[in-house]
Amino acid sequence: MHSPLPAGRFAINSPNIVTENFDGQVVILNLANGHYYGLEGIANKVWTLIISGCPLDAIATSIRAHRPELAEAAIAFMQQVNKLNLIVPAEDATHADDAFVETWSGEAPQLLVYEDLAELIYADPIHDVDEQVGWPVPRKAER
């Protein structure tokens, strides 16, 4: 049995985490460590709901009601994205309706973790930019 889901609404942990939807396939990139993530099964829909401000427990309740065989995997997925710090508690989440309608067609959610480009992504010169000024001003060396 999994530990309880964290309460409240969540948002992307920006600026370190960026996400893009490429024709229905969501990709998540952690700029801090260069890892990127792919989503399989109903994970695309779960991720979209999370970052739109829908509480994790509301998502879990909906999955339990419509696809109970996916509930455990969905809860594990939500705990994993939280543990990996891909999401953070949202201060200004505005999701209007926790009672959304979703039938949850698809397979169990999975988060695929890729580390093969970590060195290349982390070596990108944008990591050495002054965050306040931006490109092309380099970050000042710490003393």
Foldseek 3Di string as FASTA:
>chain_A
DDDDDDWFAKAFLPPQWDWDQDPNWIKIAGLVQGKIKTKFKCVSVLVVCRNLTAILVLVLVQCCVQPVVQSVLSRVVNVVCVVVRRMDHDPDRDPPDSNDDDNRPTDHMDIGMDCPCRVVSNPPQQVQADPVPGPPHGHDDDD
